[in-house]
Amino acid sequence: MTTSLAASIRQNRDGINIHERDHFAGMYAAGKLAAEILDEVGPLVKPGVTTAMLDDFIRERIEAAGAISATIGYKGYQHASCISINHVVCHGIPGGKVLRDGDILNIDVTVIVDGWFGDNSRMYWAGKPSRKAQRLIQVTHDALFAGIEAVKPGNTFGDIGHAIQRFAEAQRCSVVRDFCGHGLGRQFHSSPNVLHYGRPGTGPKLEPGMFFTIEPMINLGRPETKILSDEWTAVTKDRSLSAQYEHSIGVTETGYEIFTLSPAGIYAPDFSS
């Protein structure tokens, strides 16, 4: 980070980075690439494909764009994406797993463009997902946007978590509590932790210039998770289906901007095909 850029990013009293308006352009560039990759990988998701094949495509696409994968080398991780299937909550490792008809999966991609991080994940399905899987995917997508709609100056991070929790639990689903969203910008992870549950009016207040992810993980069963022996993969303890959507967000003077919207206009789950 250049000295002038570092000086223009201040921290508030809660230790959260506050960015200038001209920093939004860097976040849009990084978010656009992450979202484009998720647009392009979608048609490749089908029965018979391995998760390693999907990750290879993502890695090659990042390199072709002249960008950097934020996950390759991160704490020893060696893949350009996390791919989490069925009861895997997050941090699924790409490999030889062959997708079967009806599998649902989250693909999570983070890229670095000119020093800015774009972090985005989305749900996909191989073949025809079950009705309960479709319902979970839709609830998770809508829960994310319930949280996003709570983003405006003067609201709190507790308001975001409460909106997500209230929506998901009203649909008889549970919110994972072991993982959360996070601040980002010129860093992959920074303050604050963005919880996907909570009480209204609690936590730090939102201020213009904050950048962070909202990325709820919603389960059909109970919220508890466990980490497998690979020390990355998190699964539901009761083996119930889990889903996740994630966007990178910037707080503005009047509300929010989403850095990772689909350039192809893929804004919601579509089970018609």
C-alpha atoms as a PDB file:
ATOM      1  CA  MET A   1       0.000   0.000   0.000  1.00  0.00           C
ATOM      2  CA  THR A   2       1.391   3.392  -0.925  1.00  0.00           C
ATOM      3  CA  THR A   3       2.002   5.896   1.866  1.00  0.00           C
ATOM      4  CA  SER A   4      -0.611   8.302   0.499  1.00  0.00           C
ATOM      5  CA  LEU A   5      -3.230   5.565   0.162  1.00  0.00           C
ATOM      6  CA  ALA A   6      -2.528   4.215   3.636  1.00  0.00           C
ATOM      7  CA  ALA A   7      -2.866   7.706   5.066  1.00  0.00           C
ATOM      8  CA  SER A   8      -6.258   8.147   3.436  1.00  0.00           C
ATOM      9  CA  ILE A   9      -7.680   5.062   5.167  1.00  0.00           C
ATOM     10  CA  ARG A  10      -8.436   5.977   8.767  1.00  0.00           C
ATOM     11  CA  GLN A  11      -9.756   3.862  11.621  1.00  0.00           C
ATOM     12  CA  ASN A  12     -12.726   4.772  13.761  1.00  0.00           C
ATOM     13  CA  ARG A  13     -12.852   4.245  17.510  1.00  0.00           C
ATOM     14  CA  ASP A  14     -13.942   0.623  16.996  1.00  0.00           C
ATOM     15  CA  GLY A  15     -10.825  -0.109  14.937  1.00  0.00           C
ATOM     16  CA  ILE A  16     -12.790  -0.365  11.672  1.00  0.00           C
ATOM     17  CA  ASN A  17     -11.236   1.046   8.503  1.00  0.00           C
ATOM     18  CA  ILE A  18     -13.040   4.033   6.975  1.00  0.00           C
ATOM     19  CA  HIS A  19     -12.325   4.528   3.268  1.00  0.00           C
ATOM     20  CA  GLU A  20     -12.583   7.565   1.027  1.00  0.00           C
ATOM     21  CA  ARG A  21     -15.107   7.779  -1.785  1.00  0.00           C
ATOM     22  CA  ASP A  22     -12.441   7.272  -4.447  1.00  0.00           C
ATOM     23  CA  HIS A  23     -11.561   3.887  -2.913  1.00  0.00           C
ATOM     24  CA  PHE A  24     -14.929   2.520  -4.052  1.00  0.00           C
ATOM     25  CA  ALA A  25     -13.613   2.262  -7.628  1.00  0.00           C
ATOM     26  CA  GLY A  26     -10.921  -0.205  -6.577  1.00  0.00           C
ATOM     27  CA  MET A  27     -13.472  -2.345  -4.774  1.00  0.00           C
ATOM     28  CA  TYR A  28     -15.794  -2.305  -7.776  1.00  0.00           C
ATOM     29  CA  ALA A  29     -12.972  -3.518 -10.046  1.00  0.00           C
ATOM     30  CA  ALA A  30     -12.079  -6.402  -7.736  1.00  0.00           C
ATOM     31  CA  GLY A  31     -15.711  -7.274  -7.043  1.00  0.00           C
ATOM     32  CA  LYS A  32     -16.576  -7.242 -10.741  1.00  0.00           C
ATOM     33  CA  LEU A  33     -13.871  -9.777 -11.571  1.00  0.00           C
ATOM     34  CA  ALA A  34     -14.934 -12.105  -8.744  1.00  0.00           C
ATOM     35  CA  ALA A  35     -18.552 -11.899  -9.882  1.00  0.00           C
ATOM     36  CA  GLU A  36     -17.633 -12.429 -13.543  1.00  0.00           C
ATOM     37  CA  ILE A  37     -15.800 -15.620 -12.623  1.00  0.00           C
ATOM     38  CA  LEU A  38     -18.838 -16.881 -10.735  1.00  0.00           C
ATOM     39  CA  ASP A  39     -20.995 -16.064 -13.772  1.00  0.00           C
ATOM     40  CA  GLU A  40     -18.670 -18.004 -16.052  1.00  0.00           C
ATOM     41  CA  VAL A  41     -18.191 -21.074 -13.862  1.00  0.00           C
ATOM     42  CA  GLY A  42     -21.946 -21.677 -13.601  1.00  0.00           C
ATOM     43  CA  PRO A  43     -22.403 -23.528 -16.924  1.00  0.00           C
ATOM     44  CA  LEU A  44     -19.562 -25.889 -15.971  1.00  0.00           C
ATOM     45  CA  VAL A  45     -21.407 -27.141 -12.872  1.00  0.00           C
ATOM     46  CA  LYS A  46     -23.043 -30.427 -13.892  1.00  0.00           C
ATOM     47  CA  PRO A  47     -23.076 -34.087 -12.878  1.00  0.00           C
ATOM     48  CA  GLY A  48     -19.793 -35.849 -13.649  1.00  0.00           C
ATOM     49  CA  VAL A  49     -17.593 -32.777 -13.188  1.00  0.00           C
ATOM     50  CA  THR A  50     -15.028 -32.764 -10.376  1.00  0.00           C
ATOM     51  CA  THR A  51     -14.550 -29.849  -8.030  1.00  0.00           C
ATOM     52  CA  ALA A  52     -10.876 -29.788  -9.069  1.00  0.00           C
ATOM     53  CA  MET A  53     -11.968 -29.089 -12.657  1.00  0.00           C
ATOM     54  CA  LEU A  54     -14.023 -26.120 -11.481  1.00  0.00           C
ATOM     55  CA  ASP A  55     -11.121 -24.820  -9.405  1.00  0.00           C
ATOM     56  CA  ASP A  56      -8.722 -25.185 -12.348  1.00  0.00           C
ATOM     57  CA  PHE A  57     -11.033 -23.023 -14.449  1.00  0.00           C
ATOM     58  CA  ILE A  58     -11.172 -20.393 -11.713  1.00  0.00           C
ATOM     59  CA  ARG A  59      -7.411 -20.356 -11.269  1.00  0.00           C
ATOM     60  CA  GLU A  60      -6.829 -19.981 -15.026  1.00  0.00           C
ATOM     61  CA  ARG A  61      -9.446 -17.224 -15.273  1.00  0.00           C
ATOM     62  CA  ILE A  62      -7.836 -15.223 -12.463  1.00  0.00           C
ATOM     63  CA  GLU A  63      -4.402 -15.559 -14.074  1.00  0.00           C
ATOM     64  CA  ALA A  64      -5.754 -14.564 -17.503  1.00  0.00           C
ATOM     65  CA  ALA A  65      -7.190 -11.395 -15.974  1.00  0.00           C
ATOM     66  CA  GLY A  66      -3.791 -10.460 -14.557  1.00  0.00           C
ATOM     67  CA  ALA A  67      -5.173 -10.665 -11.039  1.00  0.00           C
ATOM     68  CA  ILE A  68      -4.111 -12.625  -7.964  1.00  0.00           C
ATOM     69  CA  SER A  69      -5.998 -15.334  -6.088  1.00  0.00           C
ATOM     70  CA  ALA A  70      -6.318 -14.296  -2.461  1.00  0.00           C
ATOM     71  CA  THR A  71      -6.684 -17.886  -1.284  1.00  0.00           C
ATOM     72  CA  ILE A  72      -3.694 -19.586  -2.931  1.00  0.00           C
ATOM     73  CA  GLY A  73      -1.047 -19.593  -0.215  1.00  0.00           C
ATOM     74  CA  TYR A  74      -3.386 -18.165   2.438  1.00  0.00           C
ATOM     75  CA  LYS A  75      -2.462 -20.024   5.657  1.00  0.00           C
ATOM     76  CA  GLY A  76      -1.154 -22.842   3.463  1.00  0.00           C
ATOM     77  CA  TYR A  77      -4.303 -23.204   1.340  1.00  0.00           C
ATOM     78  CA  GLN A  78      -3.466 -24.153  -2.256  1.00  0.00           C
ATOM     79  CA  HIS A  79      -6.644 -23.568  -4.261  1.00  0.00           C
ATOM     80  CA  ALA A  80      -8.255 -20.630  -6.055  1.00  0.00           C
ATOM     81  CA  SER A  81     -11.683 -21.318  -4.574  1.00  0.00           C
ATOM     82  CA  CYS A  82     -13.547 -23.037  -1.789  1.00  0.00           C
ATOM     83  CA  ILE A  83     -16.228 -25.437  -3.031  1.00  0.00           C
ATOM     84  CA  SER A  84     -18.667 -26.674  -0.398  1.00  0.00           C
ATOM     85  CA  ILE A  85     -21.096 -29.460  -1.305  1.00  0.00           C
ATOM     86  CA  ASN A  86     -24.391 -30.391   0.393  1.00  0.00           C
ATOM     87  CA  HIS A  87     -23.715 -30.610   4.164  1.00  0.00           C
ATOM     88  CA  VAL A  88     -20.371 -28.797   3.870  1.00  0.00           C
ATOM     89  CA  VAL A  89     -20.932 -25.364   5.407  1.00  0.00           C
ATOM     90  CA  CYS A  90     -17.812 -23.607   4.106  1.00  0.00           C
ATOM     91  CA  HIS A  91     -14.128 -23.991   3.190  1.00  0.00           C
ATOM     92  CA  GLY A  92     -14.631 -27.157   1.163  1.00  0.00           C
ATOM     93  CA  ILE A  93     -11.378 -28.095  -0.598  1.00  0.00           C
ATOM     94  CA  PRO A  94     -11.543 -28.742  -4.373  1.00  0.00           C
ATOM     95  CA  GLY A  95     -10.363 -32.181  -5.419  1.00  0.00           C
ATOM     96  CA  GLY A  96     -11.467 -35.414  -7.041  1.00  0.00           C
ATOM     97  CA  LYS A  97     -15.040 -35.270  -5.734  1.00  0.00           C
ATOM     98  CA  VAL A  98     -17.396 -35.944  -8.669  1.00  0.00           C
ATOM     99  CA  LEU A  99     -20.654 -33.991  -8.669  1.00  0.00           C
ATOM    100  CA  ARG A 100     -23.818 -36.091  -8.678  1.00  0.00           C
ATOM    101  CA  ASP A 101     -27.302 -35.213  -9.852  1.00  0.00           C
ATOM    102  CA  GLY A 102     -29.005 -33.181  -7.138  1.00  0.00           C
ATOM    103  CA  ASP A 103     -25.840 -31.957  -5.415  1.00  0.00           C
ATOM    104  CA  ILE A 104     -25.872 -28.338  -4.286  1.00  0.00           C
ATOM    105  CA  LEU A 105     -22.643 -26.416  -3.841  1.00  0.00           C
ATOM    106  CA  ASN A 106     -21.288 -23.052  -2.829  1.00  0.00           C
ATOM    107  CA  ILE A 107     -18.356 -21.660  -4.802  1.00  0.00           C
ATOM    108  CA  ASP A 108     -16.406 -18.930  -3.018  1.00  0.00           C
ATOM    109  CA  VAL A 109     -13.837 -16.830  -4.920  1.00  0.00           C
ATOM    110  CA  THR A 110     -11.655 -13.980  -3.679  1.00  0.00           C
ATOM    111  CA  VAL A 111      -9.400 -12.043  -6.047  1.00  0.00           C
ATOM    112  CA  ILE A 112      -6.925  -9.205  -5.635  1.00  0.00           C
ATOM    113  CA  VAL A 113      -7.003  -6.472  -8.294  1.00  0.00           C
ATOM    114  CA  ASP A 114      -4.501  -3.621  -7.876  1.00  0.00           C
ATOM    115  CA  GLY A 115      -4.312  -4.387  -4.158  1.00  0.00           C
ATOM    116  CA  TRP A 116      -8.094  -4.429  -3.568  1.00  0.00           C
ATOM    117  CA  PHE A 117      -9.921  -7.603  -2.512  1.00  0.00           C
ATOM    118  CA  GLY A 118     -13.132  -8.803  -4.146  1.00  0.00           C
ATOM    119  CA  ASP A 119     -14.888 -11.575  -2.178  1.00  0.00           C
ATOM    120  CA  ASN A 120     -18.002 -13.282  -3.536  1.00  0.00           C
ATOM    121  CA  SER A 121     -19.781 -16.628  -3.234  1.00  0.00           C
ATOM    122  CA  ARG A 122     -22.846 -18.122  -4.796  1.00  0.00           C
ATOM    123  CA  MET A 123     -24.910 -21.332  -4.785  1.00  0.00           C
ATOM    124  CA  TYR A 124     -25.022 -23.772  -7.724  1.00  0.00           C
ATOM    125  CA  TRP A 125     -26.563 -27.163  -8.331  1.00  0.00           C
ATOM    126  CA  ALA A 126     -25.709 -30.180 -10.480  1.00  0.00           C
ATOM    127  CA  GLY A 127     -28.718 -31.499 -12.351  1.00  0.00           C
ATOM    128  CA  LYS A 128     -32.013 -31.054 -10.506  1.00  0.00           C
ATOM    129  CA  PRO A 129     -31.890 -30.213  -6.790  1.00  0.00           C
ATOM    130  CA  SER A 130     -34.570 -31.500  -4.431  1.00  0.00           C
ATOM    131  CA  ARG A 131     -37.434 -29.270  -3.412  1.00  0.00           C
ATOM    132  CA  LYS A 132     -35.972 -28.888   0.088  1.00  0.00           C
ATOM    133  CA  ALA A 133     -32.601 -27.925  -1.382  1.00  0.00           C
ATOM    134  CA  GLN A 134     -34.253 -25.341  -3.629  1.00  0.00           C
ATOM    135  CA  ARG A 135     -36.083 -23.898  -0.660  1.00  0.00           C
ATOM    136  CA  LEU A 136     -32.876 -23.670   1.390  1.00  0.00           C
ATOM    137  CA  ILE A 137     -31.020 -21.929  -1.442  1.00  0.00           C
ATOM    138  CA  GLN A 138     -33.819 -19.395  -1.885  1.00  0.00           C
ATOM    139  CA  VAL A 139     -34.075 -18.730   1.860  1.00  0.00           C
ATOM    140  CA  THR A 140     -30.309 -18.196   2.087  1.00  0.00           C
ATOM    141  CA  HIS A 141     -30.281 -15.784  -0.845  1.00  0.00           C
ATOM    142  CA  ASP A 142     -33.182 -13.819   0.599  1.00  0.00           C
ATOM    143  CA  ALA A 143     -31.638 -13.807   4.086  1.00  0.00           C
ATOM    144  CA  LEU A 144     -28.481 -12.232   2.648  1.00  0.00           C
ATOM    145  CA  PHE A 145     -30.514  -9.432   1.101  1.00  0.00           C
ATOM    146  CA  ALA A 146     -32.513  -8.958   4.300  1.00  0.00           C
ATOM    147  CA  GLY A 147     -29.152  -8.249   5.941  1.00  0.00           C
ATOM    148  CA  ILE A 148     -27.985  -5.988   3.132  1.00  0.00           C
ATOM    149  CA  GLU A 149     -31.168  -3.917   3.361  1.00  0.00           C
ATOM    150  CA  ALA A 150     -30.238  -3.110   6.973  1.00  0.00           C
ATOM    151  CA  VAL A 151     -27.009  -1.422   5.842  1.00  0.00           C
ATOM    152  CA  LYS A 152     -27.164   2.351   6.244  1.00  0.00           C
ATOM    153  CA  PRO A 153     -25.335   4.913   8.371  1.00  0.00           C
ATOM    154  CA  GLY A 154     -26.598   4.985  11.935  1.00  0.00           C
ATOM    155  CA  ASN A 155     -27.722   1.368  11.946  1.00  0.00           C
ATOM    156  CA  THR A 156     -25.543  -1.194  13.717  1.00  0.00           C
ATOM    157  CA  PHE A 157     -23.961  -4.502  12.820  1.00  0.00           C
ATOM    158  CA  GLY A 158     -26.456  -6.047  15.229  1.00  0.00           C
ATOM    159  CA  ASP A 159     -29.227  -4.768  12.961  1.00  0.00           C
ATOM    160  CA  ILE A 160     -27.694  -6.688  10.035  1.00  0.00           C
ATOM    161  CA  GLY A 161     -27.411  -9.916  12.010  1.00  0.00           C
ATOM    162  CA  HIS A 162     -30.901  -9.566  13.444  1.00  0.00           C
ATOM    163  CA  ALA A 163     -32.452  -9.086   9.997  1.00  0.00           C
ATOM    164  CA  ILE A 164     -30.771 -12.254   8.707  1.00  0.00           C
ATOM    165  CA  GLN A 165     -31.626 -14.317  11.786  1.00  0.00           C
ATOM    166  CA  ARG A 166     -35.245 -13.169  11.912  1.00  0.00           C
ATOM    167  CA  PHE A 167     -35.795 -14.001   8.238  1.00  0.00           C
ATOM    168  CA  ALA A 168     -34.067 -17.404   8.279  1.00  0.00           C
ATOM    169  CA  GLU A 169     -35.646 -18.624  11.496  1.00  0.00           C
ATOM    170  CA  ALA A 170     -39.103 -17.549  10.300  1.00  0.00           C
ATOM    171  CA  GLN A 171     -38.520 -20.003   7.444  1.00  0.00           C
ATOM    172  CA  ARG A 172     -37.666 -22.775   9.954  1.00  0.00           C
ATOM    173  CA  CYS A 173     -33.979 -22.718   9.076  1.00  0.00           C
ATOM    174  CA  SER A 174     -30.993 -22.084  11.357  1.00  0.00           C
ATOM    175  CA  VAL A 175     -28.136 -19.589  11.147  1.00  0.00           C
ATOM    176  CA  VAL A 176     -24.570 -20.857  11.530  1.00  0.00           C
ATOM    177  CA  ARG A 177     -22.851 -19.012  14.363  1.00  0.00           C
ATOM    178  CA  ASP A 178     -19.323 -20.409  14.028  1.00  0.00           C
ATOM    179  CA  PHE A 179     -18.403 -18.271  10.982  1.00  0.00           C
ATOM    180  CA  CYS A 180     -19.068 -14.670  10.050  1.00  0.00           C
ATOM    181  CA  GLY A 181     -18.490 -11.930   7.513  1.00  0.00           C
ATOM    182  CA  HIS A 182     -15.532  -9.585   7.834  1.00  0.00           C
ATOM    183  CA  GLY A 183     -14.061  -6.261   6.917  1.00  0.00           C
ATOM    184  CA  LEU A 184     -12.023  -6.093   3.715  1.00  0.00           C
ATOM    185  CA  GLY A 185     -10.525  -3.611   1.297  1.00  0.00           C
ATOM    186  CA  ARG A 186      -6.742  -3.636   1.035  1.00  0.00           C
ATOM    187  CA  GLN A 187      -6.777  -6.617   3.429  1.00  0.00           C
ATOM    188  CA  PHE A 188      -8.476  -9.999   3.073  1.00  0.00           C
ATOM    189  CA  HIS A 189      -9.816  -9.972   6.631  1.00  0.00           C
ATOM    190  CA  SER A 190     -10.050  -7.031   9.006  1.00  0.00           C
ATOM    191  CA  SER A 191     -12.426  -5.635  11.622  1.00  0.00           C
ATOM    192  CA  PRO A 192     -15.306  -5.951  12.123  1.00  0.00           C
ATOM    193  CA  ASN A 193     -16.648  -9.469  12.458  1.00  0.00           C
ATOM    194  CA  VAL A 194     -20.038  -9.365  10.744  1.00  0.00           C
ATOM    195  CA  LEU A 195     -22.281 -11.762  12.656  1.00  0.00           C
ATOM    196  CA  HIS A 196     -25.332 -13.182  10.905  1.00  0.00           C
ATOM    197  CA  TYR A 197     -27.419 -13.185  14.058  1.00  0.00           C
ATOM    198  CA  GLY A 198     -27.877 -10.640  16.797  1.00  0.00           C
ATOM    199  CA  ARG A 199     -29.978  -8.039  18.539  1.00  0.00           C
ATOM    200  CA  PRO A 200     -31.087  -4.733  17.011  1.00  0.00           C
ATOM    201  CA  GLY A 201     -29.088  -1.704  18.073  1.00  0.00           C
ATOM    202  CA  THR A 202     -26.044  -3.658  19.253  1.00  0.00           C
ATOM    203  CA  GLY A 203     -22.480  -3.616  17.975  1.00  0.00           C
ATOM    204  CA  PRO A 204     -20.580  -0.837  16.204  1.00  0.00           C
ATOM    205  CA  LYS A 205     -22.516   1.736  14.227  1.00  0.00           C
ATOM    206  CA  LEU A 206     -22.270   1.710  10.449  1.00  0.00           C
ATOM    207  CA  GLU A 207     -20.404   4.637   8.906  1.00  0.00           C
ATOM    208  CA  PRO A 208     -19.881   5.712   5.277  1.00  0.00           C
ATOM    209  CA  GLY A 209     -16.657   4.249   3.935  1.00  0.00           C
ATOM    210  CA  MET A 210     -16.853   0.896   5.714  1.00  0.00           C
ATOM    211  CA  PHE A 211     -16.187  -2.121   3.455  1.00  0.00           C
ATOM    212  CA  PHE A 212     -17.177  -5.630   4.571  1.00  0.00           C
ATOM    213  CA  THR A 213     -18.720  -8.913   3.508  1.00  0.00           C
ATOM    214  CA  ILE A 214     -22.095 -10.302   4.477  1.00  0.00           C
ATOM    215  CA  GLU A 215     -22.105 -14.068   3.929  1.00  0.00           C
ATOM    216  CA  PRO A 216     -24.739 -15.987   5.911  1.00  0.00           C
ATOM    217  CA  MET A 217     -24.542 -19.766   6.111  1.00  0.00           C
ATOM    218  CA  ILE A 218     -28.022 -21.213   6.608  1.00  0.00           C
ATOM    219  CA  ASN A 219     -28.817 -24.831   7.534  1.00  0.00           C
ATOM    220  CA  LEU A 220     -31.947 -26.911   7.091  1.00  0.00           C
ATOM    221  CA  GLY A 221     -31.179 -28.571  10.422  1.00  0.00           C
ATOM    222  CA  ARG A 222     -29.371 -27.376  13.498  1.00  0.00           C
ATOM    223  CA  PRO A 223     -26.718 -24.622  13.369  1.00  0.00           C
ATOM    224  CA  GLU A 224     -23.809 -26.546  14.933  1.00  0.00           C
ATOM    225  CA  THR A 225     -20.743 -27.293  12.812  1.00  0.00           C
ATOM    226  CA  LYS A 226     -17.503 -29.241  13.112  1.00  0.00           C
ATOM    227  CA  ILE A 227     -14.152 -29.025  11.343  1.00  0.00           C
ATOM    228  CA  LEU A 228     -12.847 -32.128   9.568  1.00  0.00           C
ATOM    229  CA  SER A 229      -9.336 -33.516   9.962  1.00  0.00           C
ATOM    230  CA  ASP A 230      -8.050 -31.478   6.988  1.00  0.00           C
ATOM    231  CA  GLU A 231      -8.445 -28.462   9.318  1.00  0.00           C
ATOM    232  CA  TRP A 232     -10.381 -26.515   6.668  1.00  0.00           C
ATOM    233  CA  THR A 233     -13.659 -28.208   5.799  1.00  0.00           C
ATOM    234  CA  ALA A 234     -16.589 -27.250   8.045  1.00  0.00           C
ATOM    235  CA  VAL A 235     -19.687 -29.480   7.983  1.00  0.00           C
ATOM    236  CA  THR A 236     -23.035 -29.542   9.750  1.00  0.00           C
ATOM    237  CA  LYS A 237     -22.903 -31.798  12.798  1.00  0.00           C
ATOM    238  CA  ASP A 238     -26.288 -33.312  11.937  1.00  0.00           C
ATOM    239  CA  ARG A 239     -25.354 -33.658   8.227  1.00  0.00           C
ATOM    240  CA  SER A 240     -28.251 -31.413   7.209  1.00  0.00           C
ATOM    241  CA  LEU A 241     -27.949 -29.383   4.009  1.00  0.00           C
ATOM    242  CA  SER A 242     -26.231 -25.993   4.225  1.00  0.00           C
ATOM    243  CA  ALA A 243     -26.167 -23.035   1.822  1.00  0.00           C
ATOM    244  CA  GLN A 244     -24.372 -19.696   1.622  1.00  0.00           C
ATOM    245  CA  TYR A 245     -24.396 -16.488  -0.402  1.00  0.00           C
ATOM    246  CA  GLU A 246     -21.878 -13.668  -0.056  1.00  0.00           C
ATOM    247  CA  HIS A 247     -21.501 -10.117  -1.297  1.00  0.00           C
ATOM    248  CA  SER A 248     -18.904  -7.433  -0.657  1.00  0.00           C
ATOM    249  CA  ILE A 249     -20.538  -4.205   0.522  1.00  0.00           C
ATOM    250  CA  GLY A 250     -19.599  -0.553   0.889  1.00  0.00           C
ATOM    251  CA  VAL A 251     -21.507   1.817   3.176  1.00  0.00           C
ATOM    252  CA  THR A 252     -22.472   5.136   1.547  1.00  0.00           C
ATOM    253  CA  GLU A 253     -23.913   8.363   2.930  1.00  0.00           C
ATOM    254  CA  THR A 254     -27.441   7.112   2.232  1.00  0.00           C
ATOM    255  CA  GLY A 255     -27.190   3.318   2.331  1.00  0.00           C
ATOM    256  CA  TYR A 256     -24.984   0.786   0.595  1.00  0.00           C
ATOM    257  CA  GLU A 257     -23.394  -0.282  -2.661  1.00  0.00           C
ATOM    258  CA  ILE A 258     -22.757  -3.910  -3.637  1.00  0.00           C
ATOM    259  CA  PHE A 259     -19.359  -4.417  -5.258  1.00  0.00           C
ATOM    260  CA  THR A 260     -19.976  -8.012  -6.380  1.00  0.00           C
ATOM    261  CA  LEU A 261     -23.227  -7.901  -8.346  1.00  0.00           C
ATOM    262  CA  SER A 262     -23.317 -10.251 -11.324  1.00  0.00           C
ATOM    263  CA  PRO A 263     -22.294  -8.501 -14.572  1.00  0.00           C
ATOM    264  CA  ALA A 264     -24.492 -11.052 -16.382  1.00  0.00           C
ATOM    265  CA  GLY A 265     -27.524 -10.065 -14.330  1.00  0.00           C
ATOM    266  CA  ILE A 266     -27.737 -13.334 -12.389  1.00  0.00           C
ATOM    267  CA  TYR A 267     -29.329 -11.834  -9.313  1.00  0.00           C
ATOM    268  CA  ALA A 268     -31.391 -14.676  -7.831  1.00  0.00           C
ATOM    269  CA  PRO A 269     -31.653 -18.475  -7.926  1.00  0.00           C
ATOM    270  CA  ASP A 270     -33.399 -19.818 -11.036  1.00  0.00           C
ATOM    271  CA  PHE A 271     -34.484 -23.465 -10.862  1.00  0.00           C
ATOM    272  CA  SER A 272     -36.411 -23.461 -14.132  1.00  0.00           C
ATOM    273  CA  SER A 273     -33.678 -25.027 -16.276  1.00  0.00           C
END
